[in-house]
């Protein structure tokens, strides 16, 4: 079974919404403020002129760094391939105190991490926050039905 998933899906959605607003505003600021030499109704700053370039690049780079492909041989995160024979995979659950929770998920108590350890030495190779929805975590667990992943 092949599963393609982004490990930072909620972050990508947030960047898409905010990026669309800032990109439109910076494009407006560039056209009317710089090209037509009219005074724009709002001024955000120097970087607002190129927000329509910066935010799509930020969105694409976030997607590429967190793209995960799970297949029968192993897991590929970004450009790095982790095989099932050399690594152990875990999904760990942690609970955060109210003061340590992120602003956008302040009422959420359980947070999940994706941990990859070397089989022989138990060194942690990768520990990544799973910023995905609950059904995506279930899909990840279902794709590892062969016993390749542990859920703590």
Protein backbone atom coordinates (compact mmCIF):
# COMPACT_ATOMS: atom_id res chain seq x y z
CA UNK A 1 0.00 0.00 0.00
CA UNK A 2 1.33 3.42 -0.94
CA UNK A 3 0.33 6.39 1.16
CA UNK A 4 1.28 9.96 0.33
CA UNK A 5 0.75 12.41 3.15
CA UNK A 6 2.10 15.74 4.30
CA UNK A 7 3.29 15.68 7.90
CA UNK A 8 2.44 19.38 8.29
CA UNK A 9 -1.03 19.54 6.76
CA UNK A 10 -2.46 22.05 9.25
CA UNK A 11 0.54 24.33 8.76
CA UNK A 12 0.08 24.19 5.00
CA UNK A 13 -3.59 25.14 5.33
CA UNK A 14 -2.68 28.05 7.62
CA UNK A 15 0.03 29.27 5.20
CA UNK A 16 -2.40 28.96 2.29
CA UNK A 17 -5.04 31.17 3.91
CA UNK A 18 -2.63 33.78 5.26
CA UNK A 19 -0.48 33.61 2.13
CA UNK A 20 -3.43 34.28 -0.14
CA UNK A 21 -4.38 37.40 1.80
CA UNK A 22 -0.82 38.73 2.00
CA UNK A 23 -0.09 37.87 -1.64
CA UNK A 24 -3.15 39.80 -2.84
CA UNK A 25 -2.28 42.76 -0.61
CA UNK A 26 1.35 42.82 -1.72
CA UNK A 27 0.37 42.54 -5.38
CA UNK A 28 -2.03 45.47 -4.90
CA UNK A 29 0.73 47.44 -3.13
CA UNK A 30 3.18 46.70 -5.93
CA UNK A 31 0.83 47.65 -8.78
CA UNK A 32 -0.72 50.81 -7.35
CA UNK A 33 2.12 51.96 -5.12
CA UNK A 34 5.20 51.31 -7.23
CA UNK A 35 4.15 50.91 -10.85
CA UNK A 36 1.31 53.48 -11.05
CA UNK A 37 2.89 55.80 -8.43
CA UNK A 38 -0.33 56.23 -6.53
CA UNK A 39 -0.42 56.17 -2.76
CA UNK A 40 -1.81 52.84 -1.57
CA UNK A 41 -4.44 52.90 1.13
CA UNK A 42 -2.29 50.78 3.42
CA UNK A 43 1.42 50.18 3.80
CA UNK A 44 2.65 46.93 5.25
CA UNK A 45 6.39 47.33 4.76
CA UNK A 46 9.27 46.68 2.40
CA UNK A 47 8.68 42.91 2.23
CA UNK A 48 5.02 43.43 1.33
CA UNK A 49 6.09 44.24 -2.22
CA UNK A 50 7.30 40.69 -2.77
CA UNK A 51 4.83 38.77 -0.58
CA UNK A 52 3.29 37.21 -3.67
CA UNK A 53 6.68 35.54 -4.28
CA UNK A 54 7.75 34.80 -0.69
CA UNK A 55 4.59 33.05 0.51
CA UNK A 56 4.23 30.62 -2.41
CA UNK A 57 7.92 29.71 -2.04
CA UNK A 58 7.36 29.19 1.70
CA UNK A 59 4.33 27.03 0.96
CA UNK A 60 6.14 24.89 -1.60
CA UNK A 61 9.24 24.42 0.56
CA UNK A 62 7.11 23.44 3.57
CA UNK A 63 5.27 20.88 1.46
CA UNK A 64 8.46 19.40 0.00
CA UNK A 65 10.22 19.12 3.39
CA UNK A 66 7.21 17.39 5.00
CA UNK A 67 6.08 15.17 2.12
CA UNK A 68 5.94 11.58 3.33
CA UNK A 69 5.59 8.51 1.13
CA UNK A 70 4.96 5.18 2.85
CA UNK A 71 5.34 2.12 0.63
CA UNK A 72 6.24 -1.55 1.06
CA UNK A 73 10.00 -0.90 1.29
CA UNK A 74 10.06 1.96 3.76
CA UNK A 75 9.26 5.58 4.41
CA UNK A 76 10.51 8.55 2.40
CA UNK A 77 10.37 11.93 4.12
CA UNK A 78 11.53 14.72 1.87
CA UNK A 79 14.47 13.26 -0.03
CA UNK A 80 15.59 10.78 2.63
CA UNK A 81 14.50 7.13 2.46
CA UNK A 82 14.20 5.11 5.68
CA UNK A 83 13.90 1.35 5.06
CA UNK A 84 11.94 -0.98 7.31
CA UNK A 85 14.93 -3.30 7.74
CA UNK A 86 17.22 -0.62 9.21
CA UNK A 87 14.82 1.57 11.19
CA UNK A 88 11.98 1.26 13.68
CA UNK A 89 9.03 3.63 13.40
CA UNK A 90 6.90 4.92 16.27
CA UNK A 91 3.98 7.28 16.72
CA UNK A 92 4.20 8.66 20.24
CA UNK A 93 1.57 10.63 22.12
CA UNK A 94 2.44 13.45 24.46
CA UNK A 95 0.28 15.74 26.52
CA UNK A 96 1.18 19.37 26.95
CA UNK A 97 0.32 21.67 29.80
CA UNK A 98 -2.03 24.53 29.00
CA UNK A 99 0.77 27.12 29.02
CA UNK A 100 2.89 25.10 26.54
CA UNK A 101 0.20 24.54 23.91
CA UNK A 102 0.33 26.29 20.53
CA UNK A 103 -1.97 29.25 20.07
CA UNK A 104 -4.04 27.72 17.26
CA UNK A 105 -4.73 24.43 19.03
CA UNK A 106 -4.97 25.61 22.61
CA UNK A 107 -7.82 23.26 23.57
CA UNK A 108 -6.17 20.16 22.11
CA UNK A 109 -4.50 18.08 24.82
CA UNK A 110 -2.82 15.21 22.95
CA UNK A 111 -0.06 15.81 20.44
CA UNK A 112 1.57 13.18 18.24
CA UNK A 113 5.20 12.74 17.18
CA UNK A 114 6.61 10.54 14.43
CA UNK A 115 9.85 8.97 15.68
CA UNK A 116 12.37 6.99 13.63
CA UNK A 117 15.08 4.99 15.45
CA UNK A 118 17.94 2.89 14.15
CA UNK A 119 17.28 -0.79 14.75
CA UNK A 120 20.63 -1.81 16.25
CA UNK A 121 21.64 1.24 18.28
CA UNK A 122 18.24 2.76 19.17
CA UNK A 123 19.53 6.21 18.23
CA UNK A 124 16.75 8.60 17.30
CA UNK A 125 17.27 9.58 13.68
CA UNK A 126 14.18 11.74 13.25
CA UNK A 127 11.54 13.10 15.60
CA UNK A 128 8.89 15.12 13.82
CA UNK A 129 5.66 16.66 15.09
CA UNK A 130 2.62 15.31 13.30
CA UNK A 131 0.65 18.43 12.48
CA UNK A 132 -2.13 16.50 10.78
CA UNK A 133 -5.75 15.63 11.42
CA UNK A 134 -6.84 12.58 13.42
CA UNK A 135 -8.00 10.65 10.33
CA UNK A 136 -4.52 11.12 8.79
CA UNK A 137 -2.97 9.52 11.87
CA UNK A 138 -5.38 6.62 11.45
CA UNK A 139 -4.35 6.32 7.78
CA UNK A 140 -0.68 6.22 8.78
CA UNK A 141 -1.39 3.49 11.32
CA UNK A 142 -3.42 1.52 8.76
CA UNK A 143 -0.59 1.68 6.23
CA UNK A 144 1.71 0.00 8.73
CA UNK A 145 -0.54 -3.00 9.45
CA UNK A 146 2.35 -5.38 8.85
CA UNK A 147 3.77 -4.49 12.27
CA UNK A 148 6.35 -2.03 11.05
CA UNK A 149 5.15 0.81 13.26
CA UNK A 150 4.42 0.96 16.95
CA UNK A 151 1.85 3.19 18.59
CA UNK A 152 2.56 4.40 22.13
